[in-house]
Amino acid sequence: MNPDIHSLIIYEDPSVIVCRKPAGIPTQSSRIAASDMV
């Protein structure tokens, strides 16, 4: 199950986005259809 990304975003403006990554989700994955932060 994918987490609610809106609940993970802490700050956003036109240049950056800061978020909280939950444990168990990769920052970025090469696997197709993988649930990762990117």
Full PDB file with SEQRES, HELIX, SHEET, SSBOND, CRYST1, ORIGX, SCALE, CONECT and MASTER records, all heavy atoms in Angstrom:
SEQRES   1 A   38  MET ASN PRO ASP ILE HIS SER LEU ILE ILE TYR GLU ASP          
SEQRES   2 A   38  PRO SER VAL ILE VAL CYS ARG LYS PRO ALA GLY ILE PRO          
SEQRES   3 A   38  THR GLN SER SER ARG ILE ALA ALA SER ASP MET VAL              
HELIX    1 AA1 ILE A    5  LEU A    8  1                                   4    
SHEET    1 AA1 2 ILE A   9  GLU A  12  0                                        
SHEET    2 AA1 2 ILE A  17  CYS A  19 -1                                        
CRYST1    1.000    1.000    1.000  90.00  90.00  90.00 P 1           1          
ORIGX1      1.000000  0.000000  0.000000        0.00000                         
ORIGX2      0.000000  1.000000  0.000000        0.00000                         
ORIGX3      0.000000  0.000000  1.000000        0.00000                         
SCALE1      1.000000  0.000000  0.000000        0.00000                         
SCALE2      0.000000  1.000000  0.000000        0.00000                         
SCALE3      0.000000  0.000000  1.000000        0.00000                         
ATOM      1  N   MET A   1       0.843  -1.189   0.000  1.00  0.00           N  
ATOM      2  CA  MET A   1       0.000   0.000   0.000  1.00  0.00           C  
ATOM      3  C   MET A   1       0.886   1.249   0.000  1.00  0.00           C  
ATOM      4  O   MET A   1       1.809   1.361   0.801  1.00  0.00           O  
ATOM      5  CB  MET A   1      -0.925   0.000   1.213  1.00  0.00           C  
ATOM      6  CG  MET A   1      -1.825   1.234   1.313  1.00  0.00           C  
ATOM      7  SD  MET A   1      -2.870   1.210   2.780  1.00  0.00           S  
ATOM      8  CE  MET A   1      -3.878  -0.217   2.418  1.00  0.00           C  
ATOM      9  N   ASN A   2       0.572   2.187  -0.894  1.00  0.00           N  
ATOM     10  CA  ASN A   2       1.327   3.429  -0.957  1.00  0.00           C  
ATOM     11  C   ASN A   2       0.888   4.375   0.148  1.00  0.00           C  
ATOM     12  O   ASN A   2      -0.306   4.516   0.417  1.00  0.00           O  
ATOM     13  CB  ASN A   2       1.116   4.112  -2.307  1.00  0.00           C  
ATOM     14  CG  ASN A   2       1.803   3.386  -3.435  1.00  0.00           C  
ATOM     15  OD1 ASN A   2       2.700   2.595  -3.208  1.00  0.00           O  
ATOM     16  ND2 ASN A   2       1.375   3.660  -4.652  1.00  0.00           N  
ATOM     17  N   PRO A   3       1.823   5.053   0.802  1.00  0.00           N  
ATOM     18  CA  PRO A   3       1.434   6.033   1.811  1.00  0.00           C  
ATOM     19  C   PRO A   3       0.826   7.255   1.153  1.00  0.00           C  
ATOM     20  O   PRO A   3       1.013   7.505  -0.033  1.00  0.00           O  
ATOM     21  CB  PRO A   3       2.764   6.366   2.497  1.00  0.00           C  
ATOM     22  CG  PRO A   3       3.790   6.121   1.443  1.00  0.00           C  
ATOM     23  CD  PRO A   3       3.284   4.956   0.635  1.00  0.00           C  
ATOM     24  N   ASP A   4       0.097   8.048   1.932  1.00  0.00           N  
ATOM     25  CA  ASP A   4      -0.465   9.308   1.449  1.00  0.00           C  
ATOM     26  C   ASP A   4       0.663  10.319   1.340  1.00  0.00           C  
ATOM     27  O   ASP A   4       1.172  10.801   2.353  1.00  0.00           O  
ATOM     28  CB  ASP A   4      -1.548   9.787   2.406  1.00  0.00           C  
ATOM     29  CG  ASP A   4      -2.110  11.140   2.004  1.00  0.00           C  
ATOM     30  OD1 ASP A   4      -1.860  11.584   0.864  1.00  0.00           O  
ATOM     31  OD2 ASP A   4      -2.787  11.773   2.838  1.00  0.00           O  
ATOM     32  N   ILE A   5       1.072  10.629   0.123  1.00  0.00           N  
ATOM     33  CA  ILE A   5       2.227  11.500  -0.063  1.00  0.00           C  
ATOM     34  C   ILE A   5       1.970  12.890   0.504  1.00  0.00           C  
ATOM     35  O   ILE A   5       2.898  13.555   0.990  1.00  0.00           O  
ATOM     36  CB  ILE A   5       2.616  11.589  -1.566  1.00  0.00           C  
ATOM     37  CG1 ILE A   5       3.972  12.291  -1.730  1.00  0.00           C  
ATOM     38  CG2 ILE A   5       1.519  12.271  -2.362  1.00  0.00           C  
ATOM     39  CD1 ILE A   5       5.116  11.573  -1.058  1.00  0.00           C  
ATOM     40  N   HIS A   6       0.720  13.339   0.506  1.00  0.00           N  
ATOM     41  CA  HIS A   6       0.416  14.664   1.048  1.00  0.00           C  
ATOM     42  C   HIS A   6       0.775  14.744   2.529  1.00  0.00           C  
ATOM     43  O   HIS A   6       1.227  15.792   3.011  1.00  0.00           O  
ATOM     44  CB  HIS A   6      -1.068  14.995   0.850  1.00  0.00           C  
ATOM     45  CG  HIS A   6      -1.486  15.091  -0.580  1.00  0.00           C  
ATOM     46  ND1 HIS A   6      -1.814  13.986  -1.336  1.00  0.00           N  
ATOM     47  CD2 HIS A   6      -1.606  16.175  -1.407  1.00  0.00           C  
ATOM     48  CE1 HIS A   6      -2.127  14.374  -2.561  1.00  0.00           C  
ATOM     49  NE2 HIS A   6      -2.010  15.685  -2.632  1.00  0.00           N  
ATOM     50  N   SER A   7       0.592  13.652   3.253  1.00  0.00           N  
ATOM     51  CA  SER A   7       0.895  13.654   4.684  1.00  0.00           C  
ATOM     52  C   SER A   7       2.394  13.621   4.961  1.00  0.00           C  
ATOM     53  O   SER A   7       2.820  13.870   6.093  1.00  0.00           O  
ATOM     54  CB  SER A   7       0.222  12.452   5.358  1.00  0.00           C  
ATOM     55  OG  SER A   7       0.830  11.235   4.935  1.00  0.00           O  
ATOM     56  N   LEU A   8       3.194  13.312   3.944  1.00  0.00           N  
ATOM     57  CA  LEU A   8       4.638  13.205   4.116  1.00  0.00           C  
ATOM     58  C   LEU A   8       5.379  14.484   3.733  1.00  0.00           C  
ATOM     59  O   LEU A   8       6.541  14.649   4.088  1.00  0.00           O  
ATOM     60  CB  LEU A   8       5.184  12.039   3.286  1.00  0.00           C  
ATOM     61  CG  LEU A   8       4.605  10.657   3.579  1.00  0.00           C  
ATOM     62  CD1 LEU A   8       5.233   9.612   2.668  1.00  0.00           C  
ATOM     63  CD2 LEU A   8       4.799  10.274   5.044  1.00  0.00           C  
ATOM     64  N   ILE A   9       4.719  15.371   3.001  1.00  0.00           N  
ATOM     65  CA  ILE A   9       5.368  16.609   2.559  1.00  0.00           C  
ATOM     66  C   ILE A   9       5.359  17.628   3.698  1.00  0.00           C  
ATOM     67  O   ILE A   9       4.308  17.959   4.246  1.00  0.00           O  
ATOM     68  CB  ILE A   9       4.674  17.169   1.315  1.00  0.00           C  
ATOM     69  CG1 ILE A   9       4.864  16.206   0.137  1.00  0.00           C  
ATOM     70  CG2 ILE A   9       5.241  18.546   0.962  1.00  0.00           C  
ATOM     71  CD1 ILE A   9       4.073  16.582  -1.087  1.00  0.00           C  
ATOM     72  N   ILE A  10       6.542  18.126   4.036  1.00  0.00           N  
ATOM     73  CA  ILE A  10       6.696  19.079   5.140  1.00  0.00           C  
ATOM     74  C   ILE A  10       6.801  20.511   4.624  1.00  0.00           C  
ATOM     75  O   ILE A  10       6.282  21.442   5.230  1.00  0.00           O  
ATOM     76  CB  ILE A  10       7.938  18.710   5.968  1.00  0.00           C  
ATOM     77  CG1 ILE A  10       7.716  17.350   6.634  1.00  0.00           C  
ATOM     78  CG2 ILE A  10       8.260  19.780   7.014  1.00  0.00           C  
ATOM     79  CD1 ILE A  10       8.947  16.814   7.330  1.00  0.00           C  
ATOM     80  N   TYR A  11       7.459  20.670   3.475  1.00  0.00           N  
ATOM     81  CA  TYR A  11       7.657  22.011   2.914  1.00  0.00           C  
ATOM     82  C   TYR A  11       7.802  21.892   1.408  1.00  0.00           C  
ATOM     83  O   TYR A  11       8.411  20.941   0.902  1.00  0.00           O  
ATOM     84  CB  TYR A  11       8.913  22.664   3.506  1.00  0.00           C  
ATOM     85  CG  TYR A  11       9.261  23.991   2.870  1.00  0.00           C  
ATOM     86  CD1 TYR A  11       8.672  25.167   3.318  1.00  0.00           C  
ATOM     87  CD2 TYR A  11      10.175  24.062   1.818  1.00  0.00           C  
ATOM     88  CE1 TYR A  11       8.990  26.387   2.733  1.00  0.00           C  
ATOM     89  CE2 TYR A  11      10.495  25.271   1.226  1.00  0.00           C  
ATOM     90  CZ  TYR A  11       9.899  26.430   1.686  1.00  0.00           C  
ATOM     91  OH  TYR A  11      10.196  27.635   1.099  1.00  0.00           O  
ATOM     92  N   GLU A  12       7.246  22.883   0.694  1.00  0.00           N  
ATOM     93  CA  GLU A  12       7.387  22.905  -0.767  1.00  0.00           C  
ATOM     94  C   GLU A  12       7.346  24.337  -1.260  1.00  0.00           C  
ATOM     95  O   GLU A  12       6.567  25.164  -0.782  1.00  0.00           O  
ATOM     96  CB  GLU A  12       6.266  22.103  -1.429  1.00  0.00           C  
ATOM     97  CG  GLU A  12       6.388  22.053  -2.952  1.00  0.00           C  
ATOM     98  CD  GLU A  12       5.252  21.307  -3.626  1.00  0.00           C  
ATOM     99  OE1 GLU A  12       4.276  20.941  -2.929  1.00  0.00           O  
ATOM    100  OE2 GLU A  12       5.335  21.109  -4.856  1.00  0.00           O  
ATOM    101  N   ASP A  13       8.220  24.652  -2.224  1.00  0.00           N  
ATOM    102  CA  ASP A  13       8.159  25.916  -2.946  1.00  0.00           C  
ATOM    103  C   ASP A  13       8.589  25.618  -4.388  1.00  0.00           C  
ATOM    104  O   ASP A  13       8.796  24.452  -4.734  1.00  0.00           O  
ATOM    105  CB  ASP A  13       8.997  27.001  -2.251  1.00  0.00           C  
ATOM    106  CG  ASP A  13      10.498  26.720  -2.250  1.00  0.00           C  
ATOM    107  OD1 ASP A  13      11.001  26.016  -3.150  1.00  0.00           O  
ATOM    108  OD2 ASP A  13      11.189  27.212  -1.327  1.00  0.00           O  
ATOM    109  N   PRO A  14       8.721  26.604  -5.255  1.00  0.00           N  
ATOM    110  CA  PRO A  14       9.053  26.303  -6.652  1.00  0.00           C  
ATOM    111  C   PRO A  14      10.414  25.641  -6.863  1.00  0.00           C  
ATOM    112  O   PRO A  14      10.672  25.096  -7.941  1.00  0.00           O  
ATOM    113  CB  PRO A  14       9.015  27.683  -7.320  1.00  0.00           C  
ATOM    114  CG  PRO A  14       8.045  28.465  -6.498  1.00  0.00           C  
ATOM    115  CD  PRO A  14       8.285  28.016  -5.089  1.00  0.00           C  
ATOM    116  N   SER A  15      11.302  25.672  -5.853  1.00  0.00           N  
ATOM    117  CA  SER A  15      12.649  25.135  -6.032  1.00  0.00           C  
ATOM    118  C   SER A  15      12.900  23.811  -5.332  1.00  0.00           C  
ATOM    119  O   SER A  15      13.680  22.986  -5.823  1.00  0.00           O  
ATOM    120  CB  SER A  15      13.690  26.156  -5.530  1.00  0.00           C  
ATOM    121  OG  SER A  15      13.607  27.359  -6.255  1.00  0.00           O  
ATOM    122  N   VAL A  16      12.295  23.605  -4.170  1.00  0.00           N  
ATOM    123  CA  VAL A  16      12.595  22.420  -3.363  1.00  0.00           C  
ATOM    124  C   VAL A  16      11.331  21.815  -2.791  1.00  0.00           C  
ATOM    125  O   VAL A  16      10.287  22.480  -2.696  1.00  0.00           O  
ATOM    126  CB  VAL A  16      13.567  22.740  -2.202  1.00  0.00           C  
ATOM    127  CG1 VAL A  16      14.883  23.297  -2.713  1.00  0.00           C  
ATOM    128  CG2 VAL A  16      12.923  23.695  -1.198  1.00  0.00           C  
ATOM    129  N   ILE A  17      11.454  20.572  -2.392  1.00  0.00           N  
ATOM    130  CA  ILE A  17      10.392  19.892  -1.662  1.00  0.00           C  
ATOM    131  C   ILE A  17      11.050  19.040  -0.582  1.00  0.00           C  
ATOM    132  O   ILE A  17      11.994  18.301  -0.847  1.00  0.00           O  
ATOM    133  CB  ILE A  17       9.511  19.038  -2.609  1.00  0.00           C  
ATOM    134  CG1 ILE A  17       8.322  18.453  -1.868  1.00  0.00           C  
ATOM    135  CG2 ILE A  17      10.305  17.968  -3.321  1.00  0.00           C  
ATOM    136  CD1 ILE A  17       7.228  17.938  -2.814  1.00  0.00           C  
ATOM    137  N   VAL A  18      10.603  19.214   0.651  1.00  0.00           N  
ATOM    138  CA  VAL A  18      11.136  18.490   1.804  1.00  0.00           C  
ATOM    139  C   VAL A  18      10.058  17.554   2.318  1.00  0.00           C  
ATOM    140  O   VAL A  18       8.894  17.959   2.475  1.00  0.00           O  
ATOM    141  CB  VAL A  18      11.567  19.459   2.927  1.00  0.00           C  
ATOM    142  CG1 VAL A  18      12.076  18.689   4.144  1.00  0.00           C  
ATOM    143  CG2 VAL A  18      12.635  20.422   2.418  1.00  0.00           C  
ATOM    144  N   CYS A  19      10.436  16.312   2.554  1.00  0.00           N  
ATOM    145  CA  CYS A  19       9.438  15.345   2.991  1.00  0.00           C  
ATOM    146  C   CYS A  19      10.027  14.372   4.011  1.00  0.00           C  
ATOM    147  O   CYS A  19      11.250  14.319   4.208  1.00  0.00           O  
ATOM    148  CB  CYS A  19       8.866  14.579   1.803  1.00  0.00           C  
ATOM    149  SG  CYS A  19      10.085  13.572   0.951  1.00  0.00           S  
ATOM    150  N   ARG A  20       9.144  13.649   4.656  1.00  0.00           N  
ATOM    151  CA  ARG A  20       9.538  12.592   5.585  1.00  0.00           C  
ATOM    152  C   ARG A  20       9.405  11.245   4.881  1.00  0.00           C  
ATOM    153  O   ARG A  20       8.327  10.891   4.415  1.00  0.00           O  
ATOM    154  CB  ARG A  20       8.653  12.616   6.832  1.00  0.00           C  
ATOM    155  CG  ARG A  20       8.956  11.490   7.829  1.00  0.00           C  
ATOM    156  CD  ARG A  20       8.057  11.561   9.045  1.00  0.00           C  
ATOM    157  NE  ARG A  20       6.652  11.381   8.715  1.00  0.00           N  
ATOM    158  CZ  ARG A  20       6.059  10.179   8.579  1.00  0.00           C  
ATOM    159  NH1 ARG A  20       6.771   9.070   8.719  1.00  0.00           N  
ATOM    160  NH2 ARG A  20       4.783  10.103   8.291  1.00  0.00           N  
ATOM    161  N   LYS A  21      10.489  10.514   4.798  1.00  0.00           N  
ATOM    162  CA  LYS A  21      10.453   9.179   4.211  1.00  0.00           C  
ATOM    163  C   LYS A  21      10.142   8.151   5.301  1.00  0.00           C  
ATOM    164  O   LYS A  21      10.876   8.060   6.284  1.00  0.00           O  
ATOM    165  CB  LYS A  21      11.796   8.821   3.562  1.00  0.00           C  
ATOM    166  CG  LYS A  21      11.760   7.469   2.834  1.00  0.00           C  
ATOM    167  CD  LYS A  21      13.136   7.038   2.365  1.00  0.00           C  
ATOM    168  CE  LYS A  21      13.883   6.266   3.427  1.00  0.00           C  
ATOM    169  NZ  LYS A  21      13.268   4.956   3.777  1.00  0.00           N  
ATOM    170  N   PRO A  22       9.081   7.377   5.138  1.00  0.00           N  
ATOM    171  CA  PRO A  22       8.814   6.328   6.122  1.00  0.00           C  
ATOM    172  C   PRO A  22       9.834   5.191   5.998  1.00  0.00           C  
ATOM    173  O   PRO A  22      10.425   4.975   4.931  1.00  0.00           O  
ATOM    174  CB  PRO A  22       7.411   5.832   5.746  1.00  0.00           C  
ATOM    175  CG  PRO A  22       6.846   6.863   4.830  1.00  0.00           C  
ATOM    176  CD  PRO A  22       8.015   7.476   4.134  1.00  0.00           C  
ATOM    177  N   ALA A  23      10.051   4.481   7.076  1.00  0.00           N  
ATOM    178  CA  ALA A  23      10.893   3.286   7.024  1.00  0.00           C  
ATOM    179  C   ALA A  23      10.245   2.258   6.110  1.00  0.00           C  
ATOM    180  O   ALA A  23       9.021   2.121   6.070  1.00  0.00           O  
ATOM    181  CB  ALA A  23      11.067   2.711   8.425  1.00  0.00           C  
ATOM    182  N   GLY A  24      11.066   1.552   5.344  1.00  0.00           N  
ATOM    183  CA  GLY A  24      10.574   0.496   4.469  1.00  0.00           C  
ATOM    184  C   GLY A  24      10.352   0.905   3.031  1.00  0.00           C  
ATOM    185  O   GLY A  24      10.173   0.057   2.161  1.00  0.00           O  
ATOM    186  N   ILE A  25      10.371   2.209   2.751  1.00  0.00           N  
ATOM    187  CA  ILE A  25      10.196   2.709   1.383  1.00  0.00           C  
ATOM    188  C   ILE A  25      11.536   3.227   0.881  1.00  0.00           C  
ATOM    189  O   ILE A  25      12.172   4.052   1.545  1.00  0.00           O  
ATOM    190  CB  ILE A  25       9.137   3.823   1.323  1.00  0.00           C  
ATOM    191  CG1 ILE A  25       7.775   3.260   1.724  1.00  0.00           C  
ATOM    192  CG2 ILE A  25       9.078   4.446  -0.065  1.00  0.00           C  
ATOM    193  CD1 ILE A  25       6.666   4.270   1.670  1.00  0.00           C  
ATOM    194  N   PRO A  26      12.000   2.756  -0.278  1.00  0.00           N  
ATOM    195  CA  PRO A  26      13.283   3.251  -0.789  1.00  0.00           C  
ATOM    196  C   PRO A  26      13.198   4.698  -1.244  1.00  0.00           C  
ATOM    197  O   PRO A  26      12.121   5.178  -1.619  1.00  0.00           O  
ATOM    198  CB  PRO A  26      13.586   2.319  -1.966  1.00  0.00           C  
ATOM    199  CG  PRO A  26      12.255   1.772  -2.381  1.00  0.00           C  
ATOM    200  CD  PRO A  26      11.408   1.728  -1.157  1.00  0.00           C  
ATOM    201  N   THR A  27      14.323   5.388  -1.203  1.00  0.00           N  
ATOM    202  CA  THR A  27      14.377   6.738  -1.749  1.00  0.00           C  
ATOM    203  C   THR A  27      14.101   6.692  -3.248  1.00  0.00           C  
ATOM    204  O   THR A  27      13.306   7.473  -3.768  1.00  0.00           O  
ATOM    205  CB  THR A  27      15.755   7.369  -1.493  1.00  0.00           C  
ATOM    206  OG1 THR A  27      16.021   7.371  -0.091  1.00  0.00           O  
ATOM    207  CG2 THR A  27      15.807   8.795  -2.032  1.00  0.00           C  
ATOM    208  N   GLN A  28      14.764   5.767  -3.937  1.00  0.00           N  
ATOM    209  CA  GLN A  28      14.574   5.580  -5.376  1.00  0.00           C  
ATOM    210  C   GLN A  28      14.842   4.123  -5.691  1.00  0.00           C  
ATOM    211  O   GLN A  28      15.753   3.518  -5.139  1.00  0.00           O  
ATOM    212  CB  GLN A  28      15.508   6.488  -6.160  1.00  0.00           C  
ATOM    213  CG  GLN A  28      15.282   6.480  -7.668  1.00  0.00           C  
ATOM    214  CD  GLN A  28      16.158   7.502  -8.366  1.00  0.00           C  
ATOM    215  OE1 GLN A  28      17.269   7.797  -7.942  1.00  0.00           O  
ATOM    216  NE2 GLN A  28      15.663   8.070  -9.458  1.00  0.00           N  
ATOM    217  N   SER A  29      14.041   3.551  -6.559  1.00  0.00           N  
ATOM    218  CA  SER A  29      14.183   2.142  -6.897  1.00  0.00           C  
ATOM    219  C   SER A  29      14.235   1.972  -8.408  1.00  0.00           C  
ATOM    220  O   SER A  29      13.603   2.721  -9.154  1.00  0.00           O  
ATOM    221  CB  SER A  29      13.002   1.336  -6.328  1.00  0.00           C  
ATOM    222  OG  SER A  29      13.063  -0.007  -6.754  1.00  0.00           O  
ATOM    223  N   SER A  30      15.000   0.980  -8.852  1.00  0.00           N  
ATOM    224  CA  SER A  30      15.076   0.671 -10.282  1.00  0.00           C  
ATOM    225  C   SER A  30      14.010  -0.343 -10.685  1.00  0.00           C  
ATOM    226  O   SER A  30      13.869  -0.653 -11.864  1.00  0.00           O  
ATOM    227  CB  SER A  30      16.464   0.116 -10.626  1.00  0.00           C  
ATOM    228  OG  SER A  30      16.737  -1.045  -9.868  1.00  0.00           O  
ATOM    229  N   ARG A  31      13.278  -0.848  -9.710  1.00  0.00           N  
ATOM    230  CA  ARG A  31      12.248  -1.848 -10.003  1.00  0.00           C  
ATOM    231  C   ARG A  31      11.020  -1.183 -10.608  1.00  0.00           C  
ATOM    232  O   ARG A  31      10.565  -0.135 -10.144  1.00  0.00           O  
ATOM    233  CB  ARG A  31      11.854  -2.594  -8.735  1.00  0.00           C  
ATOM    234  CG  ARG A  31      12.975  -3.420  -8.121  1.00  0.00           C  
ATOM    235  CD  ARG A  31      12.582  -3.966  -6.768  1.00  0.00           C  
ATOM    236  NE  ARG A  31      11.346  -4.730  -6.835  1.00  0.00           N  
ATOM    237  CZ  ARG A  31      10.688  -5.155  -5.761  1.00  0.00           C  
ATOM    238  NH1 ARG A  31      11.133  -4.853  -4.547  1.00  0.00           N  
ATOM    239  NH2 ARG A  31       9.586  -5.860  -5.897  1.00  0.00           N  
ATOM    240  N   ILE A  32      10.476  -1.804 -11.644  1.00  0.00           N  
ATOM    241  CA  ILE A  32       9.287  -1.278 -12.313  1.00  0.00           C  
ATOM    242  C   ILE A  32       8.102  -1.352 -11.361  1.00  0.00           C  
ATOM    243  O   ILE A  32       7.886  -2.348 -10.675  1.00  0.00           O  
ATOM    244  CB  ILE A  32       8.993  -2.076 -13.599  1.00  0.00           C  
ATOM    245  CG1 ILE A  32      10.150  -1.927 -14.586  1.00  0.00           C  
ATOM    246  CG2 ILE A  32       7.683  -1.608 -14.237  1.00  0.00           C  
ATOM    247  CD1 ILE A  32      10.001  -2.755 -15.835  1.00  0.00           C  
ATOM    248  N   ALA A  33       7.329  -0.268 -11.309  1.00  0.00           N  
ATOM    249  CA  ALA A  33       6.125  -0.163 -10.487  1.00  0.00           C  
ATOM    250  C   ALA A  33       6.418  -0.230  -8.991  1.00  0.00           C  
ATOM    251  O   ALA A  33       5.537  -0.486  -8.189  1.00  0.00           O  
ATOM    252  CB  ALA A  33       5.109  -1.240 -10.866  1.00  0.00           C  
ATOM    253  N   ALA A  34       7.680   0.012  -8.609  1.00  0.00           N  
ATOM    254  CA  ALA A  34       8.029   0.001  -7.197  1.00  0.00           C  
ATOM    255  C   ALA A  34       7.519   1.270  -6.530  1.00  0.00           C  
ATOM    256  O   ALA A  34       7.445   2.334  -7.143  1.00  0.00           O  
ATOM    257  CB  ALA A  34       9.539  -0.108  -7.017  1.00  0.00           C  
ATOM    258  N   SER A  35       7.150   1.153  -5.267  1.00  0.00           N  
ATOM    259  CA  SER A  35       6.720   2.306  -4.493  1.00  0.00           C  
ATOM    260  C   SER A  35       7.943   2.931  -3.844  1.00  0.00           C  
ATOM    261  O   SER A  35       8.495   2.398  -2.882  1.00  0.00           O  
ATOM    262  CB  SER A  35       5.709   1.870  -3.418  1.00  0.00           C  
ATOM    263  OG  SER A  35       5.344   2.961  -2.614  1.00  0.00           O  
ATOM    264  N   ASP A  36       8.426   4.031  -4.399  1.00  0.00           N  
ATOM    265  CA  ASP A  36       9.568   4.730  -3.824  1.00  0.00           C  
ATOM    266  C   ASP A  36       9.242   6.213  -3.740  1.00  0.00           C  
ATOM    267  O   ASP A  36       8.248   6.692  -4.288  1.00  0.00           O  
ATOM    268  CB  ASP A  36      10.840   4.477  -4.629  1.00  0.00           C  
ATOM    269  CG  ASP A  36      10.728   4.913  -6.076  1.00  0.00           C  
ATOM    270  OD1 ASP A  36      10.204   6.016  -6.333  1.00  0.00           O  
ATOM    271  OD2 ASP A  36      11.162   4.170  -6.965  1.00  0.00           O  
ATOM    272  N   MET A  37      10.068   6.969  -3.019  1.00  0.00           N  
ATOM    273  CA  MET A  37       9.770   8.372  -2.794  1.00  0.00           C  
ATOM    274  C   MET A  37       9.789   9.179  -4.086  1.00  0.00           C  
ATOM    275  O   MET A  37       8.952  10.073  -4.280  1.00  0.00           O  
ATOM    276  CB  MET A  37      10.768   8.957  -1.791  1.00  0.00           C  
ATOM    277  CG  MET A  37      10.649   8.385  -0.386  1.00  0.00           C  
ATOM    278  SD  MET A  37       8.985   8.520   0.327  1.00  0.00           S  
ATOM    279  CE  MET A  37       8.767  10.301   0.378  1.00  0.00           C  
ATOM    280  N   VAL A  38      10.718   8.881  -4.983  1.00  0.00           N  
ATOM    281  CA  VAL A  38      10.790   9.618  -6.238  1.00  0.00           C  
ATOM    282  C   VAL A  38       9.507   9.424  -7.051  1.00  0.00           C  
ATOM    283  O   VAL A  38       8.919  10.391  -7.554  1.00  0.00           O  
ATOM    284  CB  VAL A  38      12.027   9.188  -7.052  1.00  0.00           C  
ATOM    285  CG1 VAL A  38      11.966   9.759  -8.470  1.00  0.00           C  
ATOM    286  CG2 VAL A  38      13.300   9.646  -6.364  1.00  0.00           C  
TER     287      VAL A  38                                                      
MASTER        0    0    0    1    2    0    0    6  286    1    0    3          
END                                                                             
